[in-house]
Amino acid sequence: MDLVLEVTDRYVFDQVYSKVFPVSLASSIPNKWLQILDLNNGFIAKNSTLLIQTLNAKNNLPRINKEIYGHTPFLRDFTEATFQSLFPRYNIIREFVSLCAITTVFGWLLYLSMASLSYIFVFDKTIFNHPRYLKNQMYQEIHLALSAIPTMSALTAPWFVLECNGHSRLYFTKPNKDWHNYLIEICAFIFFTDCGVYFAHRWLHWPWVYKHLHKPHHKWIVCTPFASHAFNPFDGYGQSISYHVYPMIFPLQKMIYLGLFVFVNFWTIMIHDGNHMYNNKVVNGTACHTVHHLYFSYNFGQFTTLWDRLGGSYRRPEDSLFDPSLKNDAKVLEEQLKDVDKEMKELEGENDERVYDDKAKKFN
């Protein structure tokens, strides 16, 4: 994430912070607060022209002591605005706020763009005819997701701050690393996080935890792609922890880490799109996750069925999910709804607070 932060600092945040918190404010702040907040950038601004010439000299990027400024530029050079803010780039408060903003905006854009593309080109719109599709469901999904992402970003930002300050095993280049090593890192990441998500997700189905955290996501018995991020933010954060723990323990190339961040979001959207293309015994695809939303207590995994099989929670998707002619068949739906209602009552009790779409009446 330090790569993203540096580029964003260069083109956005340096200018924003220099205007909102210019170094001229230092004269009105007591010295003890300047020291506490680590706002010691005033002398840098006075000599910024010389520093820029020194730091940006080709083949002469010295490693500047953090007491003087902080990190040398890694991808982009410093500019005049870099040194004109009371909050220098390395200030931990600025890092946290900037990373919250980046993660929120990037999260919104990733969610809306990928879910929209899935809705247009992949999503099975016959779901609108399902008797458990809710009234105004897509609007509710989008509203919950957009409101949850900023809180999830704030909860996630401390992990990124640790990464940006060297407290992880992320790296950009290493000698003797080739594509075999990178492939092993990708597979190890998927294996580790698949396990982490499984146990976090299963914990979220403990009755007390489910009631207070996970229930909003299971409001959607049948899903659209916009349901992918529509949950309580603490629920979403809890399931994501293994993604941040992994690079703290194991080496991972930084660009691969960013790619995996995008992939995880893509996969989360994909397994909510209702398009059941295959019934694979190994991959926890869309059909497996549809089963999870229908019947609650099965298929907790993220990428594979491994942990569900080991934990005794795997349920093979019914063949009817893959037959277009049976999706709206009254007998098939009647049998499905018996199981749905049974599982729902066991986990949530008799009181179903959902408001279903009027189309459901023709099946009841």
Protein backbone atom coordinates (compact mmCIF):
# COMPACT_ATOMS: atom_id res chain seq x y z
CA MET A 1 0.00 0.00 0.00
CA ASP A 2 3.01 2.31 0.37
CA LEU A 3 3.27 2.38 -3.44
CA VAL A 4 -0.33 3.58 -3.76
CA LEU A 5 0.14 6.10 -0.96
CA GLU A 6 3.28 7.57 -2.52
CA VAL A 7 1.66 8.06 -5.91
CA THR A 8 -1.45 9.56 -4.31
CA ASP A 9 0.70 11.84 -2.16
CA ARG A 10 2.56 13.04 -5.24
CA TYR A 11 -0.54 13.88 -7.30
CA VAL A 12 -3.21 14.62 -4.67
CA PHE A 13 -2.38 14.74 -0.98
CA ASP A 14 0.77 16.92 -1.11
CA GLN A 15 -1.32 19.69 -2.65
CA VAL A 16 -4.29 19.12 -0.33
CA TYR A 17 -2.29 19.05 2.91
CA SER A 18 -0.13 22.03 1.89
CA LYS A 19 -3.28 24.12 1.43
CA VAL A 20 -5.32 22.87 4.38
CA PHE A 21 -2.40 22.56 6.83
CA PRO A 22 0.35 24.91 5.59
CA VAL A 23 3.62 25.11 7.55
CA SER A 24 2.74 28.70 8.46
CA LEU A 25 0.37 27.26 11.07
CA ALA A 26 3.40 26.07 13.08
CA SER A 27 3.86 29.55 14.57
CA SER A 28 0.48 29.31 16.30
CA ILE A 29 1.01 25.82 17.78
CA PRO A 30 2.93 25.33 21.08
CA ASN A 31 6.24 23.52 20.68
CA LYS A 32 5.21 20.64 22.93
CA TRP A 33 2.31 19.85 20.60
CA LEU A 34 4.57 20.08 17.57
CA GLN A 35 6.80 17.46 19.20
CA ILE A 36 3.90 15.24 20.30
CA LEU A 37 2.32 15.29 16.85
CA ASP A 38 5.71 15.02 15.13
CA LEU A 39 5.03 18.21 13.17
CA ASN A 40 8.65 19.21 12.61
CA ASN A 41 8.40 20.11 8.96
CA GLY A 42 8.81 23.89 9.15
CA PHE A 43 12.55 23.98 8.61
CA ILE A 44 12.20 21.66 5.64
CA ALA A 45 9.88 24.10 3.90
CA LYS A 46 12.49 26.88 4.22
CA ASN A 47 15.04 24.75 2.40
CA SER A 48 12.68 22.86 0.11
CA THR A 49 14.29 23.98 -3.17
CA LEU A 50 17.70 22.66 -2.14
CA LEU A 51 16.18 19.43 -0.80
CA ILE A 52 14.22 18.80 -4.00
CA GLN A 53 17.34 19.28 -6.10
CA THR A 54 19.26 16.88 -3.87
CA LEU A 55 16.60 14.23 -3.47
CA ASN A 56 15.52 14.17 -7.10
CA ALA A 57 19.02 14.10 -8.57
CA LYS A 58 19.30 11.15 -10.94
CA ASN A 59 21.19 8.18 -9.51
CA ASN A 60 21.63 10.09 -6.25
CA LEU A 61 18.62 9.32 -4.06
CA PRO A 62 20.16 9.17 -0.58
CA ARG A 63 18.34 7.45 2.24
CA ILE A 64 17.26 10.41 4.29
CA ASN A 65 17.12 9.93 8.06
CA LYS A 66 13.50 9.90 9.23
CA GLU A 67 14.27 12.70 11.70
CA ILE A 68 15.03 14.96 8.73
CA TYR A 69 12.16 14.04 6.46
CA GLY A 70 11.17 10.43 6.14
CA HIS A 71 11.18 8.13 3.13
CA THR A 72 13.00 8.89 -0.09
CA PRO A 73 10.71 8.80 -3.14
CA PHE A 74 10.30 5.29 -4.48
CA LEU A 75 8.23 5.72 -7.63
CA ARG A 76 7.78 9.49 -8.06
CA ASP A 77 9.98 12.50 -7.26
CA PHE A 78 9.30 15.08 -4.58
CA THR A 79 7.80 18.44 -5.53
CA GLU A 80 7.65 21.86 -3.86
CA ALA A 81 4.26 21.00 -2.33
CA THR A 82 5.77 17.95 -0.62
CA PHE A 83 7.49 20.23 1.88
CA GLN A 84 4.81 22.86 2.36
CA SER A 85 2.49 21.04 4.77
CA LEU A 86 2.60 21.06 8.54
CA PHE A 87 1.92 17.32 8.26
CA PRO A 88 4.87 15.70 6.41
CA ARG A 89 4.29 12.52 4.49
CA TYR A 90 5.70 10.30 7.21
CA ASN A 91 3.45 11.71 9.96
CA ILE A 92 1.40 8.79 11.25
CA ILE A 93 -1.78 10.86 11.56
CA ARG A 94 -1.52 11.93 7.94
CA GLU A 95 -0.75 8.37 6.86
CA PHE A 96 -3.83 7.05 8.67
CA VAL A 97 -6.19 9.72 7.30
CA SER A 98 -4.79 9.40 3.77
CA LEU A 99 -5.05 5.62 3.80
CA CYS A 100 -8.63 5.79 5.08
CA ALA A 101 -9.51 8.10 2.19
CA ILE A 102 -7.69 5.98 -0.41
CA THR A 103 -9.23 2.72 0.81
CA THR A 104 -12.72 4.22 0.96
CA VAL A 105 -12.66 5.78 -2.51
CA PHE A 106 -10.91 2.80 -4.08
CA GLY A 107 -13.33 0.45 -2.30
CA TRP A 108 -16.36 2.36 -3.57
CA LEU A 109 -15.03 2.47 -7.13
CA LEU A 110 -14.03 -1.19 -7.13
CA TYR A 111 -17.37 -2.29 -5.68
CA LEU A 112 -19.57 -0.16 -7.93
CA SER A 113 -17.63 -0.83 -11.13
CA MET A 114 -17.20 -4.59 -10.73
CA ALA A 115 -20.69 -5.19 -9.35
CA SER A 116 -22.20 -3.10 -12.17
CA LEU A 117 -20.26 -5.02 -14.83
CA SER A 118 -21.33 -8.28 -13.23
CA TYR A 119 -24.95 -7.10 -13.13
CA ILE A 120 -24.90 -6.12 -16.82
CA PHE A 121 -22.99 -9.04 -18.29
CA VAL A 122 -23.12 -11.99 -15.85
CA PHE A 123 -25.89 -11.70 -13.25
CA ASP A 124 -28.80 -14.12 -13.61
CA LYS A 125 -31.78 -11.77 -13.58
CA THR A 126 -34.29 -14.59 -13.13
CA ILE A 127 -33.46 -14.13 -9.44
CA PHE A 128 -35.89 -11.20 -9.49
CA ASN A 129 -38.67 -13.78 -9.79
CA HIS A 130 -37.56 -15.79 -6.77
CA PRO A 131 -40.08 -15.78 -3.89
CA ARG A 132 -37.40 -14.72 -1.42
CA TYR A 133 -36.23 -11.70 -3.38
CA LEU A 134 -36.84 -8.60 -1.24
CA LYS A 135 -38.71 -5.43 -2.03
CA ASN A 136 -36.20 -2.79 -3.25
CA GLN A 137 -33.44 -5.29 -2.54
CA MET A 138 -30.76 -3.90 -4.86
CA TYR A 139 -31.19 -0.40 -3.46
CA GLN A 140 -30.86 -1.79 0.07
CA GLU A 141 -27.74 -3.77 -0.87
CA ILE A 142 -26.02 -0.76 -2.44
CA HIS A 143 -26.98 1.57 0.41
CA LEU A 144 -25.64 -0.82 3.07
CA ALA A 145 -22.42 -1.51 1.14
CA LEU A 146 -21.61 2.16 0.48
CA SER A 147 -22.25 3.06 4.12
CA ALA A 148 -20.18 0.12 5.42
CA ILE A 149 -17.06 0.65 3.29
CA PRO A 150 -15.80 3.84 5.07
CA THR A 151 -15.93 2.14 8.48
CA MET A 152 -14.23 -0.96 7.12
CA SER A 153 -11.56 1.31 5.63
CA ALA A 154 -10.94 2.97 9.00
CA LEU A 155 -10.62 -0.44 10.66
CA THR A 156 -8.25 -1.63 7.92
CA ALA A 157 -6.06 1.49 7.73
CA PRO A 158 -3.90 0.59 10.80
CA TRP A 159 -2.72 -2.53 8.97
CA PHE A 160 -1.71 -0.40 5.99
CA VAL A 161 0.08 2.07 8.30
CA LEU A 162 2.11 -0.82 9.69
CA GLU A 163 2.94 -1.95 6.15
CA CYS A 164 3.98 1.55 5.09
CA ASN A 165 6.34 1.78 8.05
CA GLY A 166 8.12 -1.48 7.32
CA HIS A 167 6.34 -3.72 9.82
CA SER A 168 5.51 -6.45 7.33
CA ARG A 169 7.29 -8.86 5.02
CA LEU A 170 6.13 -7.14 1.85
CA TYR A 171 8.92 -6.44 -0.62
CA PHE A 172 9.26 -4.90 -4.06
CA THR A 173 12.37 -6.62 -5.42
CA LYS A 174 14.54 -9.45 -4.16
CA PRO A 175 17.44 -11.24 -5.81
CA ASN A 176 16.92 -14.81 -7.01
CA LYS A 177 13.13 -14.44 -7.19
CA ASP A 178 11.40 -15.69 -10.34
CA TRP A 179 7.87 -16.51 -11.43
CA HIS A 180 7.96 -19.85 -9.61
CA ASN A 181 8.45 -18.04 -6.30
CA TYR A 182 5.70 -15.58 -7.10
CA LEU A 183 3.31 -18.42 -8.00
CA ILE A 184 4.07 -20.13 -4.68
CA GLU A 185 3.35 -16.88 -2.84
CA ILE A 186 -0.02 -16.51 -4.60
CA CYS A 187 -1.02 -20.10 -3.80
CA ALA A 188 0.12 -19.75 -0.19
CA PHE A 189 -1.88 -16.54 0.19
CA ILE A 190 -5.03 -18.17 -1.16
CA PHE A 191 -4.57 -21.27 1.03
CA PHE A 192 -3.92 -19.23 4.19
CA THR A 193 -6.75 -16.74 3.68
CA ASP A 194 -9.21 -19.43 2.61
CA CYS A 195 -8.62 -21.06 6.00
CA GLY A 196 -8.85 -17.73 7.84
CA VAL A 197 -12.09 -16.71 6.16
CA TYR A 198 -13.64 -20.12 6.84
CA PHE A 199 -13.06 -19.96 10.60
CA ALA A 200 -13.99 -16.27 10.84
CA HIS A 201 -17.15 -16.90 8.83
CA ARG A 202 -18.11 -19.93 10.87
CA TRP A 203 -17.58 -17.93 14.09
CA LEU A 204 -19.92 -15.29 12.70
CA HIS A 205 -22.64 -17.95 12.59
CA TRP A 206 -22.56 -18.55 16.32
CA PRO A 207 -26.09 -17.45 17.34
CA TRP A 208 -25.09 -14.42 19.47
CA VAL A 209 -22.46 -13.22 16.98
CA TYR A 210 -24.79 -13.84 14.06
CA LYS A 211 -27.55 -11.79 15.66
CA HIS A 212 -25.31 -8.77 16.31
CA LEU A 213 -22.93 -8.85 13.33
CA HIS A 214 -23.66 -11.24 10.48
CA LYS A 215 -27.45 -11.12 10.22
CA PRO A 216 -27.54 -8.01 7.95
CA HIS A 217 -25.62 -9.91 5.25
CA HIS A 218 -28.05 -12.84 5.44
CA LYS A 219 -30.95 -10.54 4.86
CA TRP A 220 -30.26 -11.42 1.23
CA ILE A 221 -31.50 -15.01 0.80
CA VAL A 222 -31.01 -14.71 -2.94
CA CYS A 223 -28.34 -12.23 -3.99
CA THR A 224 -27.40 -9.73 -6.64
CA PRO A 225 -23.72 -8.79 -7.19
CA PHE A 226 -24.36 -5.69 -5.04
CA ALA A 227 -24.91 -7.94 -1.99
CA SER A 228 -21.20 -8.82 -2.02
CA HIS A 229 -20.15 -5.96 0.27
CA ALA A 230 -23.54 -5.36 1.90
CA PHE A 231 -22.88 -6.28 5.51
CA ASN A 232 -22.12 -4.84 8.93
CA PRO A 233 -18.65 -3.24 8.60
CA PHE A 234 -17.30 -5.14 11.62
CA ASP A 235 -18.49 -8.36 9.96
CA GLY A 236 -16.66 -7.51 6.74
CA TYR A 237 -13.53 -6.47 8.62
CA GLY A 238 -13.54 -9.66 10.67
CA GLN A 239 -13.59 -11.81 7.56
CA SER A 240 -10.76 -9.77 6.01
CA ILE A 241 -8.27 -10.01 8.88
CA SER A 242 -6.40 -12.98 7.41
CA TYR A 243 -5.65 -10.92 4.28
CA HIS A 244 -3.69 -8.48 6.43
CA VAL A 245 -2.13 -11.01 8.78
CA TYR A 246 -0.59 -12.97 5.91
CA PRO A 247 1.98 -10.32 4.78
CA MET A 248 2.91 -9.75 8.42
CA ILE A 249 4.08 -13.36 8.63
CA PHE A 250 5.04 -14.42 5.11
CA PRO A 251 6.96 -12.67 2.30
CA LEU A 252 4.82 -11.27 -0.50
CA GLN A 253 5.71 -9.09 -3.47
CA LYS A 254 3.98 -5.70 -3.26
CA MET A 255 2.46 -5.59 -6.74
CA ILE A 256 1.15 -9.13 -6.29
CA TYR A 257 -0.38 -8.03 -2.98
CA LEU A 258 -2.23 -5.19 -4.71
CA GLY A 259 -3.37 -7.58 -7.43
CA LEU A 260 -4.64 -10.04 -4.84
CA PHE A 261 -6.52 -7.21 -3.11
CA VAL A 262 -8.39 -6.58 -6.38
CA PHE A 263 -8.86 -10.31 -6.97
CA VAL A 264 -10.40 -10.85 -3.52
CA ASN A 265 -12.97 -8.13 -4.19
CA PHE A 266 -13.68 -9.53 -7.66
CA TRP A 267 -14.16 -13.03 -6.23
CA THR A 268 -16.48 -11.74 -3.50
CA ILE A 269 -18.68 -10.09 -6.13
CA MET A 270 -18.55 -13.10 -8.43
CA ILE A 271 -19.84 -15.59 -5.85
CA HIS A 272 -22.90 -13.38 -5.29
CA ASP A 273 -23.93 -13.03 -8.94
CA GLY A 274 -26.30 -16.03 -9.03
CA ASN A 275 -24.83 -17.32 -12.30
CA HIS A 276 -24.25 -21.03 -11.66
CA MET A 277 -21.90 -22.05 -14.43
CA TYR A 278 -20.31 -25.15 -12.87
CA ASN A 279 -20.64 -27.55 -9.95
CA ASN A 280 -17.00 -28.02 -9.06
CA LYS A 281 -16.13 -30.20 -6.07
CA VAL A 282 -13.04 -28.16 -5.20
CA VAL A 283 -13.80 -24.53 -6.05
CA ASN A 284 -16.18 -22.64 -3.77
CA GLY A 285 -17.92 -20.87 -6.63
CA THR A 286 -21.20 -19.04 -7.04
CA ALA A 287 -23.40 -22.12 -6.59
CA CYS A 288 -21.72 -23.05 -3.30
CA HIS A 289 -22.24 -19.55 -1.96
CA THR A 290 -25.84 -19.50 -3.19
CA VAL A 291 -26.36 -22.59 -1.03
CA HIS A 292 -24.86 -20.70 1.91
CA HIS A 293 -27.33 -17.83 1.54
CA LEU A 294 -30.28 -20.16 1.04
CA TYR A 295 -29.55 -22.61 3.85
CA PHE A 296 -27.30 -20.54 6.20
CA SER A 297 -25.28 -23.34 7.85
CA TYR A 298 -23.23 -24.66 4.92
CA ASN A 299 -20.33 -23.66 2.65
CA PHE A 300 -18.50 -21.08 4.77
CA GLY A 301 -15.34 -21.13 2.63
CA GLN A 302 -14.11 -18.38 0.34
CA PHE A 303 -12.09 -19.96 -2.47
CA THR A 304 -12.25 -23.74 -2.02
CA THR A 305 -14.47 -26.38 -0.43
CA LEU A 306 -11.51 -27.86 1.49
CA TRP A 307 -12.25 -26.43 4.92
CA ASP A 308 -15.98 -27.07 4.62
CA ARG A 309 -15.27 -30.71 3.83
CA LEU A 310 -12.86 -30.99 6.76
CA GLY A 311 -15.30 -29.16 9.04
CA GLY A 312 -18.35 -31.14 7.96
CA SER A 313 -20.18 -28.08 6.63
CA TYR A 314 -20.03 -28.78 2.89
CA ARG A 315 -23.34 -29.08 1.01
CA ARG A 316 -23.27 -29.90 -2.66
CA PRO A 317 -25.37 -27.48 -4.73
CA GLU A 318 -28.53 -29.07 -6.13
CA ASP A 319 -28.55 -29.97 -9.81
CA SER A 320 -31.66 -27.80 -10.25
CA LEU A 321 -29.51 -24.69 -9.72
CA PHE A 322 -27.80 -25.43 -13.05
CA ASP A 323 -30.92 -26.17 -15.09
CA PRO A 324 -32.52 -22.96 -16.45
CA SER A 325 -35.82 -24.77 -17.00
CA LEU A 326 -36.10 -25.56 -13.26
CA LYS A 327 -35.21 -22.17 -11.79
CA ASN A 328 -38.83 -21.02 -11.66
CA ASP A 329 -40.41 -24.45 -11.46
CA ALA A 330 -43.08 -24.36 -8.75
CA LYS A 331 -42.32 -27.83 -7.35
CA VAL A 332 -38.58 -27.19 -7.20
CA LEU A 333 -39.10 -23.84 -5.49
CA GLU A 334 -41.56 -25.35 -3.03
CA GLU A 335 -39.02 -27.97 -1.93
CA GLN A 336 -36.27 -25.37 -1.77
CA LEU A 337 -38.38 -23.01 0.36
CA LYS A 338 -39.13 -25.76 2.87
CA ASP A 339 -35.41 -26.09 3.57
CA VAL A 340 -34.88 -22.33 3.48
CA ASP A 341 -37.61 -21.68 6.06
CA LYS A 342 -36.42 -24.53 8.26
CA GLU A 343 -32.82 -23.28 8.35
CA MET A 344 -33.95 -19.68 8.84
CA LYS A 345 -36.09 -20.54 11.85
CA GLU A 346 -33.30 -22.55 13.46
CA LEU A 347 -30.87 -19.64 13.23
CA GLU A 348 -33.13 -16.58 13.46
CA GLY A 349 -36.28 -17.80 15.22
CA GLU A 350 -39.88 -17.54 14.11
CA ASN A 351 -39.92 -13.80 13.42
CA ASP A 352 -38.89 -13.06 9.83
CA GLU A 353 -38.52 -9.28 9.47
CA ARG A 354 -37.80 -9.34 5.73
CA VAL A 355 -40.22 -7.63 3.34
CA TYR A 356 -40.45 -9.66 0.16
CA ASP A 357 -41.22 -8.41 -3.33
CA ASP A 358 -44.82 -8.76 -4.49
CA LYS A 359 -43.68 -11.24 -7.14
CA ALA A 360 -43.22 -13.78 -4.38
CA LYS A 361 -47.00 -14.05 -3.95
CA LYS A 362 -47.43 -16.17 -7.05
CA PHE A 363 -45.34 -18.94 -5.45
CA ASN A 364 -46.90 -18.84 -1.97
